[in-house]
PDB file of N, CA and C in Angstrom:
ATOM      1  N   MET A   1     139.280  19.160 140.885  1.00  0.00           N
ATOM      2  CA  MET A   1     137.904  18.920 140.991  1.00  0.00           C
ATOM      3  C   MET A   1     137.540  17.606 140.122  1.00  0.00           C
ATOM      4  N   ALA A   2     136.597  16.753 140.620  1.00  0.00           N
ATOM      5  CA  ALA A   2     136.260  15.626 139.863  1.00  0.00           C
ATOM      6  C   ALA A   2     135.461  16.008 138.702  1.00  0.00           C
ATOM      7  N   THR A   3     135.522  15.391 137.823  1.00  0.00           N
ATOM      8  CA  THR A   3     134.837  15.629 136.455  1.00  0.00           C
ATOM      9  C   THR A   3     133.221  15.870 136.613  1.00  0.00           C
ATOM     10  N   ALA A   4     132.609  14.945 137.512  1.00  0.00           N
ATOM     11  CA  ALA A   4     131.247  15.085 137.647  1.00  0.00           C
ATOM     12  C   ALA A   4     130.980  16.298 138.382  1.00  0.00           C
ATOM     13  N   THR A   5     131.646  16.772 139.330  1.00  0.00           N
ATOM     14  CA  THR A   5     131.460  18.150 140.052  1.00  0.00           C
ATOM     15  C   THR A   5     131.609  19.299 139.045  1.00  0.00           C
ATOM     16  N   VAL A   6     132.444  19.238 138.097  1.00  0.00           N
ATOM     17  CA  VAL A   6     132.604  20.268 137.094  1.00  0.00           C
ATOM     18  C   VAL A   6     131.458  20.291 136.215  1.00  0.00           C
ATOM     19  N   THR A   7     131.045  19.171 135.831  1.00  0.00           N
ATOM     20  CA  THR A   7     129.826  19.133 134.916  1.00  0.00           C
ATOM     21  C   THR A   7     128.617  19.701 135.523  1.00  0.00           C
ATOM     22  N   ILE A   8     128.392  19.298 136.838  1.00  0.00           N
ATOM     23  CA  ILE A   8     127.270  19.935 137.599  1.00  0.00           C
ATOM     24  C   ILE A   8     127.345  21.497 137.812  1.00  0.00           C
ATOM     25  N   LEU A   9     128.589  21.908 138.055  1.00  0.00           N
ATOM     26  CA  LEU A   9     128.793  23.345 138.194  1.00  0.00           C
ATOM     27  C   LEU A   9     128.576  24.174 136.952  1.00  0.00           C
ATOM     28  N   ASP A  10     128.945  23.447 135.726  1.00  0.00           N
ATOM     29  CA  ASP A  10     128.760  24.060 134.429  1.00  0.00           C
ATOM     30  C   ASP A  10     127.359  24.108 134.180  1.00  0.00           C
ATOM     31  N   ARG A  11     126.451  23.205 134.586  1.00  0.00           N
ATOM     32  CA  ARG A  11     125.012  23.013 134.323  1.00  0.00           C
ATOM     33  C   ARG A  11     124.309  24.166 135.217  1.00  0.00           C
ATOM     34  N   ILE A  12     124.803  24.395 136.357  1.00  0.00           N
ATOM     35  CA  ILE A  12     124.283  25.396 137.253  1.00  0.00           C
ATOM     36  C   ILE A  12     124.530  26.676 136.599  1.00  0.00           C
ATOM     37  N   GLN A  13     125.738  26.931 136.241  1.00  0.00           N
ATOM     38  CA  GLN A  13     126.170  28.259 135.539  1.00  0.00           C
ATOM     39  C   GLN A  13     125.179  28.463 134.453  1.00  0.00           C
ATOM     40  N   ARG A  14     125.076  27.357 133.529  1.00  0.00           N
ATOM     41  CA  ARG A  14     124.234  27.503 132.335  1.00  0.00           C
ATOM     42  C   ARG A  14     122.781  27.920 132.716  1.00  0.00           C
ATOM     43  N   LEU A  15     122.196  27.384 133.684  1.00  0.00           N
ATOM     44  CA  LEU A  15     120.839  27.497 134.165  1.00  0.00           C
ATOM     45  C   LEU A  15     120.797  29.016 134.761  1.00  0.00           C
ATOM     46  N   ARG A  16     121.678  29.496 135.393  1.00  0.00           N
ATOM     47  CA  ARG A  16     121.688  30.914 135.834  1.00  0.00           C
ATOM     48  C   ARG A  16     121.678  31.846 134.594  1.00  0.00           C
ATOM     49  N   GLU A  17     122.415  31.582 133.749  1.00  0.00           N
ATOM     50  CA  GLU A  17     122.634  32.410 132.442  1.00  0.00           C
ATOM     51  C   GLU A  17     121.251  32.370 131.856  1.00  0.00           C
ATOM     52  N   LEU A  18     120.720  31.330 131.587  1.00  0.00           N
ATOM     53  CA  LEU A  18     119.191  31.220 130.942  1.00  0.00           C
ATOM     54  C   LEU A  18     118.144  31.967 131.769  1.00  0.00           C
ATOM     55  N   PHE A  19     118.277  31.602 133.143  1.00  0.00           N
ATOM     56  CA  PHE A  19     117.441  32.402 134.031  1.00  0.00           C
ATOM     57  C   PHE A  19     117.468  33.952 133.940  1.00  0.00           C
ATOM     58  N   ALA A  20     118.853  34.528 133.995  1.00  0.00           N
ATOM     59  CA  ALA A  20     118.953  35.846 133.778  1.00  0.00           C
ATOM     60  C   ALA A  20     118.638  36.457 132.574  1.00  0.00           C
ATOM     61  N   ALA A  21     118.561  35.645 131.469  1.00  0.00           N
ATOM     62  CA  ALA A  21     118.126  36.059 130.138  1.00  0.00           C
ATOM     63  C   ALA A  21     116.701  36.011 129.937  1.00  0.00           C
ATOM     64  N   GLY A  22     115.946  35.485 130.920  1.00  0.00           N
ATOM     65  CA  GLY A  22     114.507  35.428 130.844  1.00  0.00           C
ATOM     66  C   GLY A  22     114.055  34.149 129.914  1.00  0.00           C
ATOM     67  N   GLN A  23     114.928  33.240 129.786  1.00  0.00           N
ATOM     68  CA  GLN A  23     114.511  32.060 129.000  1.00  0.00           C
ATOM     69  C   GLN A  23     114.039  30.899 129.842  1.00  0.00           C
ATOM     70  N   ILE A  24     113.898  31.238 131.185  1.00  0.00           N
ATOM     71  CA  ILE A  24     113.162  30.061 132.011  1.00  0.00           C
ATOM     72  C   ILE A  24     111.875  30.565 132.446  1.00  0.00           C
ATOM     73  N   PRO A  25     110.795  30.035 132.077  1.00  0.00           N
ATOM     74  CA  PRO A  25     109.450  30.625 132.600  1.00  0.00           C
ATOM     75  C   PRO A  25     109.374  30.551 134.053  1.00  0.00           C
ATOM     76  N   THR A  26     108.776  31.520 134.709  1.00  0.00           N
ATOM     77  CA  THR A  26     108.555  31.584 136.147  1.00  0.00           C
ATOM     78  C   THR A  26     107.139  31.501 136.420  1.00  0.00           C
ATOM     79  N   LEU A  27     106.838  31.238 137.619  1.00  0.00           N
ATOM     80  CA  LEU A  27     105.417  31.157 138.147  1.00  0.00           C
ATOM     81  C   LEU A  27     104.831  32.562 138.083  1.00  0.00           C
ATOM     82  N   ALA A  28     103.563  32.557 138.012  1.00  0.00           N
ATOM     83  CA  ALA A  28     102.815  33.914 138.124  1.00  0.00           C
ATOM     84  C   ALA A  28     103.289  34.485 139.529  1.00  0.00           C
ATOM     85  N   GLN A  29     102.976  35.901 139.427  1.00  0.00           N
ATOM     86  CA  GLN A  29     103.374  36.578 140.738  1.00  0.00           C
ATOM     87  C   GLN A  29     102.362  36.276 141.898  1.00  0.00           C
ATOM     88  N   HIS A  30     102.950  35.962 143.080  1.00  0.00           N
ATOM     89  CA  HIS A  30     101.971  35.739 144.135  1.00  0.00           C
ATOM     90  C   HIS A  30     102.469  36.400 145.352  1.00  0.00           C
ATOM     91  N   GLU A  31     101.655  36.496 146.346  1.00  0.00           N
ATOM     92  CA  GLU A  31     101.926  37.170 147.648  1.00  0.00           C
ATOM     93  C   GLU A  31     102.154  38.595 147.248  1.00  0.00           C
ATOM     94  N   VAL A  32     101.375  39.094 146.330  1.00  0.00           N
ATOM     95  CA  VAL A  32     101.278  40.552 146.045  1.00  0.00           C
ATOM     96  C   VAL A  32     100.535  41.135 147.273  1.00  0.00           C
ATOM     97  N   HIS A  33     100.969  42.350 147.566  1.00  0.00           N
ATOM     98  CA  HIS A  33     100.328  43.049 148.696  1.00  0.00           C
ATOM     99  C   HIS A  33     100.361  44.550 148.473  1.00  0.00           C
ATOM    100  N   PRO A  34      99.492  45.234 149.160  1.00  0.00           N
ATOM    101  CA  PRO A  34      99.473  46.705 149.058  1.00  0.00           C
ATOM    102  C   PRO A  34     100.548  47.384 149.809  1.00  0.00           C
ATOM    103  N   ASP A  35     100.815  48.612 149.363  1.00  0.00           N
ATOM    104  CA  ASP A  35     102.018  49.321 150.121  1.00  0.00           C
ATOM    105  C   ASP A  35     101.539  49.915 151.275  1.00  0.00           C
ATOM    106  N   VAL A  36     101.418  49.041 152.382  1.00  0.00           N
ATOM    107  CA  VAL A  36     101.097  49.558 153.754  1.00  0.00           C
ATOM    108  C   VAL A  36     102.368  49.314 154.545  1.00  0.00           C
ATOM    109  N   PRO A  37     102.553  50.052 155.677  1.00  0.00           N
ATOM    110  CA  PRO A  37     103.734  49.948 156.497  1.00  0.00           C
ATOM    111  C   PRO A  37     103.982  48.614 157.000  1.00  0.00           C
ATOM    112  N   ALA A  38     105.085  48.236 157.177  1.00  0.00           N
ATOM    113  CA  ALA A  38     105.290  46.886 157.884  1.00  0.00           C
ATOM    114  C   ALA A  38     105.031  47.112 159.429  1.00  0.00           C
ATOM    115  N   GLY A  39     104.362  46.204 160.031  1.00  0.00           N
ATOM    116  CA  GLY A  39     103.926  46.342 161.506  1.00  0.00           C
ATOM    117  C   GLY A  39     102.745  47.077 161.661  1.00  0.00           C
ATOM    118  N   SER A  40     102.226  47.520 160.617  1.00  0.00           N
ATOM    119  CA  SER A  40     100.899  48.224 160.883  1.00  0.00           C
ATOM    120  C   SER A  40      99.675  47.154 160.884  1.00  0.00           C
ATOM    121  N   ARG A  41      98.658  47.664 161.391  1.00  0.00           N
ATOM    122  CA  ARG A  41      97.319  46.803 161.619  1.00  0.00           C
ATOM    123  C   ARG A  41      96.821  46.467 160.239  1.00  0.00           C
ATOM    124  N   GLU A  42      96.860  47.376 159.271  1.00  0.00           N
ATOM    125  CA  GLU A  42      96.315  47.151 157.894  1.00  0.00           C
ATOM    126  C   GLU A  42      97.126  45.996 157.338  1.00  0.00           C
ATOM    127  N   ARG A  43      98.480  45.920 157.454  1.00  0.00           N
ATOM    128  CA  ARG A  43      99.165  44.870 156.840  1.00  0.00           C
ATOM    129  C   ARG A  43      98.901  43.460 157.454  1.00  0.00           C
ATOM    130  N   TYR A  44      98.792  43.623 158.903  1.00  0.00           N
ATOM    131  CA  TYR A  44      98.362  42.321 159.495  1.00  0.00           C
ATOM    132  C   TYR A  44      97.075  41.678 159.002  1.00  0.00           C
ATOM    133  N   LEU A  45      96.068  42.670 158.845  1.00  0.00           N
ATOM    134  CA  LEU A  45      94.682  42.296 158.472  1.00  0.00           C
ATOM    135  C   LEU A  45      94.714  41.786 157.107  1.00  0.00           C
ATOM    136  N   TYR A  46      95.651  42.462 156.153  1.00  0.00           N
ATOM    137  CA  TYR A  46      95.593  42.130 154.810  1.00  0.00           C
ATOM    138  C   TYR A  46      96.292  40.686 154.784  1.00  0.00           C
ATOM    139  N   PHE A  47      97.245  40.267 155.469  1.00  0.00           N
ATOM    140  CA  PHE A  47      97.841  38.958 155.317  1.00  0.00           C
ATOM    141  C   PHE A  47      97.220  37.960 156.008  1.00  0.00           C
ATOM    142  N   THR A  48      96.206  38.092 156.947  1.00  0.00           N
ATOM    143  CA  THR A  48      95.701  37.159 157.775  1.00  0.00           C
ATOM    144  C   THR A  48      94.302  36.741 157.159  1.00  0.00           C
ATOM    145  N   LEU A  49      93.560  37.653 156.581  1.00  0.00           N
ATOM    146  CA  LEU A  49      92.193  37.384 156.035  1.00  0.00           C
ATOM    147  C   LEU A  49      92.267  36.193 154.947  1.00  0.00           C
ATOM    148  N   PRO A  50      93.002  36.404 153.927  1.00  0.00           N
ATOM    149  CA  PRO A  50      92.871  35.474 152.687  1.00  0.00           C
ATOM    150  C   PRO A  50      93.297  33.939 153.283  1.00  0.00           C
ATOM    151  N   VAL A  51      94.245  33.965 153.933  1.00  0.00           N
ATOM    152  CA  VAL A  51      94.692  32.606 154.422  1.00  0.00           C
ATOM    153  C   VAL A  51      93.737  31.844 155.389  1.00  0.00           C
ATOM    154  N   THR A  52      93.124  32.868 156.203  1.00  0.00           N
ATOM    155  CA  THR A  52      92.134  32.250 157.178  1.00  0.00           C
ATOM    156  C   THR A  52      90.892  31.861 156.473  1.00  0.00           C
ATOM    157  N   ILE A  53      90.512  32.472 155.380  1.00  0.00           N
ATOM    158  CA  ILE A  53      89.322  31.967 154.519  1.00  0.00           C
ATOM    159  C   ILE A  53      89.618  30.765 153.759  1.00  0.00           C
ATOM    160  N   ASN A  54      90.764  30.563 153.214  1.00  0.00           N
ATOM    161  CA  ASN A  54      90.935  29.325 152.308  1.00  0.00           C
ATOM    162  C   ASN A  54      92.489  29.103 152.215  1.00  0.00           C
ATOM    163  N   PHE A  55      93.187  28.445 153.185  1.00  0.00           N
ATOM    164  CA  PHE A  55      94.612  28.298 153.242  1.00  0.00           C
ATOM    165  C   PHE A  55      95.023  27.087 152.167  1.00  0.00           C
ATOM    166  N   GLN A  56      94.028  26.390 151.556  1.00  0.00           N
ATOM    167  CA  GLN A  56      94.335  25.441 150.657  1.00  0.00           C
ATOM    168  C   GLN A  56      94.226  25.925 149.086  1.00  0.00           C
ATOM    169  N   ARG A  57      93.928  27.137 149.075  1.00  0.00           N
ATOM    170  CA  ARG A  57      93.801  27.646 147.550  1.00  0.00           C
ATOM    171  C   ARG A  57      95.140  27.974 146.927  1.00  0.00           C
ATOM    172  N   SER A  58      95.156  27.897 145.643  1.00  0.00           N
ATOM    173  CA  SER A  58      96.308  28.322 144.807  1.00  0.00           C
ATOM    174  C   SER A  58      96.783  29.641 145.312  1.00  0.00           C
ATOM    175  N   SER A  59      98.128  29.779 145.730  1.00  0.00           N
ATOM    176  CA  SER A  59      98.653  30.945 146.353  1.00  0.00           C
ATOM    177  C   SER A  59      98.559  32.248 145.274  1.00  0.00           C
ATOM    178  N   PRO A  60      99.047  32.054 143.966  1.00  0.00           N
ATOM    179  CA  PRO A  60      98.909  33.219 143.131  1.00  0.00           C
ATOM    180  C   PRO A  60      97.594  33.810 142.877  1.00  0.00           C
ATOM    181  N   ALA A  61      96.627  32.737 142.773  1.00  0.00           N
ATOM    182  CA  ALA A  61      95.165  33.288 142.641  1.00  0.00           C
ATOM    183  C   ALA A  61      94.638  33.938 143.863  1.00  0.00           C
ATOM    184  N   MET A  62      95.017  33.250 145.010  1.00  0.00           N
ATOM    185  CA  MET A  62      94.394  33.893 146.138  1.00  0.00           C
ATOM    186  C   MET A  62      95.022  35.302 146.590  1.00  0.00           C
ATOM    187  N   TRP A  63      96.322  35.525 146.202  1.00  0.00           N
ATOM    188  CA  TRP A  63      96.825  36.855 146.443  1.00  0.00           C
ATOM    189  C   TRP A  63      96.375  37.876 145.393  1.00  0.00           C
ATOM    190  N   GLN A  64      96.065  37.330 144.261  1.00  0.00           N
ATOM    191  CA  GLN A  64      95.637  38.306 143.252  1.00  0.00           C
ATOM    192  C   GLN A  64      94.269  38.744 143.595  1.00  0.00           C
ATOM    193  N   SER A  65      93.427  37.928 144.122  1.00  0.00           N
ATOM    194  CA  SER A  65      92.075  38.214 144.565  1.00  0.00           C
ATOM    195  C   SER A  65      92.174  39.095 145.801  1.00  0.00           C
ATOM    196  N   ALA A  66      93.077  38.931 146.869  1.00  0.00           N
ATOM    197  CA  ALA A  66      93.254  39.631 148.023  1.00  0.00           C
ATOM    198  C   ALA A  66      93.593  41.065 147.455  1.00  0.00           C
ATOM    199  N   TYR A  67      94.567  41.155 146.574  1.00  0.00           N
ATOM    200  CA  TYR A  67      95.029  42.445 146.241  1.00  0.00           C
ATOM    201  C   TYR A  67      93.923  43.255 145.607  1.00  0.00           C
ATOM    202  N   ALA A  68      93.209  42.595 144.626  1.00  0.00           N
ATOM    203  CA  ALA A  68      92.064  43.366 143.967  1.00  0.00           C
ATOM    204  C   ALA A  68      91.012  43.645 145.041  1.00  0.00           C
ATOM    205  N   THR A  69      90.545  42.924 145.861  1.00  0.00           N
ATOM    206  CA  THR A  69      89.717  43.153 147.083  1.00  0.00           C
ATOM    207  C   THR A  69      90.212  44.333 147.853  1.00  0.00           C
ATOM    208  N   TRP A  70      91.384  44.475 148.196  1.00  0.00           N
ATOM    209  CA  TRP A  70      91.929  45.572 149.009  1.00  0.00           C
ATOM    210  C   TRP A  70      91.975  46.834 148.283  1.00  0.00           C
ATOM    211  N   HIS A  71      92.223  46.767 146.904  1.00  0.00           N
ATOM    212  CA  HIS A  71      92.214  48.099 146.221  1.00  0.00           C
ATOM    213  C   HIS A  71      90.675  48.688 145.689  1.00  0.00           C
ATOM    214  N   ASP A  72      89.887  47.875 146.081  1.00  0.00           N
ATOM    215  CA  ASP A  72      88.383  48.350 145.531  1.00  0.00           C
ATOM    216  C   ASP A  72      87.851  48.917 146.791  1.00  0.00           C
ATOM    217  N   PRO A  73      87.478  50.120 146.801  1.00  0.00           N
ATOM    218  CA  PRO A  73      86.994  50.836 147.901  1.00  0.00           C
ATOM    219  C   PRO A  73      85.586  50.181 148.371  1.00  0.00           C
ATOM    220  N   GLN A  74      84.921  49.524 147.457  1.00  0.00           N
ATOM    221  CA  GLN A  74      83.739  48.696 147.894  1.00  0.00           C
ATOM    222  C   GLN A  74      83.863  47.428 148.596  1.00  0.00           C
ATOM    223  N   THR A  75      85.023  46.863 148.327  1.00  0.00           N
ATOM    224  CA  THR A  75      85.274  45.642 149.084  1.00  0.00           C
ATOM    225  C   THR A  75      86.335  45.599 150.166  1.00  0.00           C
ATOM    226  N   GLN A  76      87.150  46.621 150.168  1.00  0.00           N
ATOM    227  CA  GLN A  76      88.215  46.613 151.169  1.00  0.00           C
ATOM    228  C   GLN A  76      87.676  46.501 152.519  1.00  0.00           C
ATOM    229  N   PRO A  77      86.687  47.028 152.914  1.00  0.00           N
ATOM    230  CA  PRO A  77      86.150  46.930 154.448  1.00  0.00           C
ATOM    231  C   PRO A  77      86.027  45.404 154.812  1.00  0.00           C
ATOM    232  N   VAL A  78      85.926  44.382 153.922  1.00  0.00           N
ATOM    233  CA  VAL A  78      85.909  43.077 154.434  1.00  0.00           C
ATOM    234  C   VAL A  78      87.100  42.564 155.277  1.00  0.00           C
ATOM    235  N   PHE A  79      88.297  43.475 155.076  1.00  0.00           N
ATOM    236  CA  PHE A  79      89.626  43.032 155.989  1.00  0.00           C
ATOM    237  C   PHE A  79      89.405  43.531 157.372  1.00  0.00           C
ATOM    238  N   PHE A  80      88.504  44.283 157.604  1.00  0.00           N
ATOM    239  CA  PHE A  80      88.309  45.167 158.948  1.00  0.00           C
ATOM    240  C   PHE A  80      87.274  44.378 159.867  1.00  0.00           C
ATOM    241  N   PRO A  81      87.756  43.710 160.923  1.00  0.00           N
ATOM    242  CA  PRO A  81      86.688  43.006 161.693  1.00  0.00           C
ATOM    243  C   PRO A  81      85.515  43.936 162.324  1.00  0.00           C
ATOM    244  N   GLU A  82      85.885  45.108 162.707  1.00  0.00           N
ATOM    245  CA  GLU A  82      84.815  46.004 163.170  1.00  0.00           C
ATOM    246  C   GLU A  82      83.674  46.121 162.000  1.00  0.00           C
ATOM    247  N   TRP A  83      84.109  46.282 160.759  1.00  0.00           N
ATOM    248  CA  TRP A  83      83.045  46.401 159.624  1.00  0.00           C
ATOM    249  C   TRP A  83      82.212  45.112 159.639  1.00  0.00           C
ATOM    250  N   VAL A  84      82.911  43.972 159.522  1.00  0.00           N
ATOM    251  CA  VAL A  84      82.298  42.667 159.304  1.00  0.00           C
ATOM    252  C   VAL A  84      81.286  42.476 160.513  1.00  0.00           C
ATOM    253  N   ALA A  85      81.697  42.929 161.725  1.00  0.00           N
ATOM    254  CA  ALA A  85      80.695  42.683 162.842  1.00  0.00           C
ATOM    255  C   ALA A  85      79.497  43.632 162.693  1.00  0.00           C
ATOM    256  N   ASN A  86      79.652  44.671 161.969  1.00  0.00           N
ATOM    257  CA  ASN A  86      78.389  45.542 161.923  1.00  0.00           C
ATOM    258  C   ASN A  86      77.479  45.519 160.672  1.00  0.00           C
ATOM    259  N   HIS A  87      77.931  44.369 159.832  1.00  0.00           N
ATOM    260  CA  HIS A  87      77.078  44.287 158.629  1.00  0.00           C
ATOM    261  C   HIS A  87      76.494  42.802 158.473  1.00  0.00           C
ATOM    262  N   SER A  88      75.437  42.610 157.593  1.00  0.00           N
ATOM    263  CA  SER A  88      75.020  41.297 157.451  1.00  0.00           C
ATOM    264  C   SER A  88      75.866  40.453 156.719  1.00  0.00           C
ATOM    265  N   GLU A  89      75.558  39.140 156.799  1.00  0.00           N
ATOM    266  CA  GLU A  89      76.341  38.159 156.039  1.00  0.00           C
ATOM    267  C   GLU A  89      76.047  38.192 154.563  1.00  0.00           C
ATOM    268  N   ASP A  90      74.934  38.585 154.161  1.00  0.00           N
ATOM    269  CA  ASP A  90      74.745  39.010 152.731  1.00  0.00           C
ATOM    270  C   ASP A  90      75.647  39.915 152.218  1.00  0.00           C
ATOM    271  N   GLU A  91      75.626  41.020 152.987  1.00  0.00           N
ATOM    272  CA  GLU A  91      76.585  42.042 152.464  1.00  0.00           C
ATOM    273  C   GLU A  91      78.021  41.661 152.337  1.00  0.00           C
ATOM    274  N   LEU A  92      78.421  41.021 153.457  1.00  0.00           N
ATOM    275  CA  LEU A  92      79.744  40.435 153.531  1.00  0.00           C
ATOM    276  C   LEU A  92      80.111  39.418 152.314  1.00  0.00           C
ATOM    277  N   ARG A  93      79.197  38.564 152.153  1.00  0.00           N
ATOM    278  CA  ARG A  93      79.191  37.435 151.094  1.00  0.00           C
ATOM    279  C   ARG A  93      79.400  38.278 149.743  1.00  0.00           C
ATOM    280  N   GLY A  94      78.563  39.154 149.613  1.00  0.00           N
ATOM    281  CA  GLY A  94      78.603  39.934 148.236  1.00  0.00           C
ATOM    282  C   GLY A  94      79.897  40.555 148.023  1.00  0.00           C
ATOM    283  N   ARG A  95      80.616  41.193 148.971  1.00  0.00           N
ATOM    284  CA  ARG A  95      81.787  41.741 148.749  1.00  0.00           C
ATOM    285  C   ARG A  95      83.073  40.874 148.720  1.00  0.00           C
ATOM    286  N   LEU A  96      82.892  39.622 149.431  1.00  0.00           N
ATOM    287  CA  LEU A  96      83.940  38.651 149.384  1.00  0.00           C
ATOM    288  C   LEU A  96      84.024  37.997 147.985  1.00  0.00           C
ATOM    289  N   VAL A  97      82.852  37.754 147.280  1.00  0.00           N
ATOM    290  CA  VAL A  97      82.850  37.088 146.045  1.00  0.00           C
ATOM    291  C   VAL A  97      83.090  38.086 144.945  1.00  0.00           C
ATOM    292  N   THR A  98      83.192  39.283 145.113  1.00  0.00           N
ATOM    293  CA  THR A  98      83.393  40.252 144.007  1.00  0.00           C
ATOM    294  C   THR A  98      84.546  40.066 143.191  1.00  0.00           C
ATOM    295  N   HIS A  99      85.707  39.890 143.920  1.00  0.00           N
ATOM    296  CA  HIS A  99      86.992  39.598 143.254  1.00  0.00           C
ATOM    297  C   HIS A  99      87.487  38.216 143.617  1.00  0.00           C
ATOM    298  N   ARG A 100      86.508  37.452 143.799  1.00  0.00           N
ATOM    299  CA  ARG A 100      86.866  35.978 144.077  1.00  0.00           C
ATOM    300  C   ARG A 100      87.690  35.563 145.325  1.00  0.00           C
ATOM    301  N   LEU A 101      87.717  36.534 146.352  1.00  0.00           N
ATOM    302  CA  LEU A 101      88.490  36.211 147.605  1.00  0.00           C
ATOM    303  C   LEU A 101      87.825  35.032 148.263  1.00  0.00           C
ATOM    304  N   ALA A 102      86.451  34.974 148.344  1.00  0.00           N
ATOM    305  CA  ALA A 102      85.726  33.880 148.702  1.00  0.00           C
ATOM    306  C   ALA A 102      85.382  33.030 147.555  1.00  0.00           C
ATOM    307  N   LEU A 103      85.617  31.711 147.384  1.00  0.00           N
ATOM    308  CA  LEU A 103      85.281  30.826 146.353  1.00  0.00           C
ATOM    309  C   LEU A 103      83.934  30.151 146.752  1.00  0.00           C
ATOM    310  N   GLN A 104      83.922  29.660 148.000  1.00  0.00           N
ATOM    311  CA  GLN A 104      82.686  29.049 148.563  1.00  0.00           C
ATOM    312  C   GLN A 104      82.017  30.012 149.335  1.00  0.00           C
ATOM    313  N   ALA A 105      81.038  30.649 148.773  1.00  0.00           N
ATOM    314  CA  ALA A 105      80.415  31.927 149.351  1.00  0.00           C
ATOM    315  C   ALA A 105      79.882  31.686 150.713  1.00  0.00           C
ATOM    316  N   ASN A 106      79.118  30.665 150.918  1.00  0.00           N
ATOM    317  CA  ASN A 106      78.574  30.539 152.151  1.00  0.00           C
ATOM    318  C   ASN A 106      79.513  30.172 153.307  1.00  0.00           C
ATOM    319  N   ARG A 107      80.393  29.241 153.034  1.00  0.00           N
ATOM    320  CA  ARG A 107      81.489  28.632 153.944  1.00  0.00           C
ATOM    321  C   ARG A 107      82.486  29.789 154.196  1.00  0.00           C
ATOM    322  N   HIS A 108      82.976  30.350 153.311  1.00  0.00           N
ATOM    323  CA  HIS A 108      84.056  31.514 153.476  1.00  0.00           C
ATOM    324  C   HIS A 108      83.488  32.637 154.115  1.00  0.00           C
ATOM    325  N   THR A 109      82.211  32.916 153.920  1.00  0.00           N
ATOM    326  CA  THR A 109      81.579  34.003 154.639  1.00  0.00           C
ATOM    327  C   THR A 109      81.489  33.675 156.132  1.00  0.00           C
ATOM    328  N   ALA A 110      81.107  32.429 156.449  1.00  0.00           N
ATOM    329  CA  ALA A 110      80.970  32.037 157.798  1.00  0.00           C
ATOM    330  C   ALA A 110      82.399  32.046 158.569  1.00  0.00           C
ATOM    331  N   ILE A 111      83.436  31.772 157.732  1.00  0.00           N
ATOM    332  CA  ILE A 111      84.717  31.687 158.339  1.00  0.00           C
ATOM    333  C   ILE A 111      85.190  33.133 158.632  1.00  0.00           C
ATOM    334  N   SER A 112      85.023  34.013 157.669  1.00  0.00           N
ATOM    335  CA  SER A 112      85.305  35.436 157.991  1.00  0.00           C
ATOM    336  C   SER A 112      84.475  35.942 159.026  1.00  0.00           C
ATOM    337  N   THR A 113      83.200  35.649 159.202  1.00  0.00           N
ATOM    338  CA  THR A 113      82.470  36.238 160.350  1.00  0.00           C
ATOM    339  C   THR A 113      83.041  35.673 161.687  1.00  0.00           C
ATOM    340  N   THR A 114      83.454  34.444 161.722  1.00  0.00           N
ATOM    341  CA  THR A 114      83.950  33.901 163.022  1.00  0.00           C
ATOM    342  C   THR A 114      85.357  34.515 163.149  1.00  0.00           C
ATOM    343  N   ASP A 115      86.118  34.691 162.230  1.00  0.00           N
ATOM    344  CA  ASP A 115      87.409  35.175 162.370  1.00  0.00           C
ATOM    345  C   ASP A 115      87.413  36.822 162.887  1.00  0.00           C
ATOM    346  N   SER A 116      86.358  37.443 162.262  1.00  0.00           N
ATOM    347  CA  SER A 116      86.385  38.789 162.830  1.00  0.00           C
ATOM    348  C   SER A 116      85.994  38.917 164.278  1.00  0.00           C
ATOM    349  N   GLN A 117      85.519  37.894 164.958  1.00  0.00           N
ATOM    350  CA  GLN A 117      85.210  37.881 166.402  1.00  0.00           C
ATOM    351  C   GLN A 117      86.368  37.698 167.124  1.00  0.00           C
ATOM    352  N   CYS A 118      87.449  36.989 166.537  1.00  0.00           N
ATOM    353  CA  CYS A 118      88.721  36.639 167.236  1.00  0.00           C
ATOM    354  C   CYS A 118      89.624  37.790 167.120  1.00  0.00           C
ATOM    355  N   ARG A 119      89.682  38.485 166.055  1.00  0.00           N
ATOM    356  CA  ARG A 119      90.733  39.477 165.851  1.00  0.00           C
ATOM    357  C   ARG A 119      90.423  40.795 166.676  1.00  0.00           C
TER     358      ARG A 119
END
């Protein structure tokens, strides 16, 4: 092997060792999700609402907010279109902002309302 190749392989091996030892910082956990069965309606609803509301948001922050919203019995209903369809925008807005799932209260509430009519 050429010397350059050996040097690169040595560097890669060293990086792997440092990572395994926890010496390389990692990003915050993202795309956290509740333990709901794959293929279930709840899983589909959980993964579609946050990105529908704001697909440009920082991923770790969005998923942390979604996770907190899902696990709070007072805010979890916002994931279900039938609930959204039967409640006022004010009530929806209040629940969407509780755990910062919606950062732009009026805009994201309107998006959620429109989305619930499509699902």
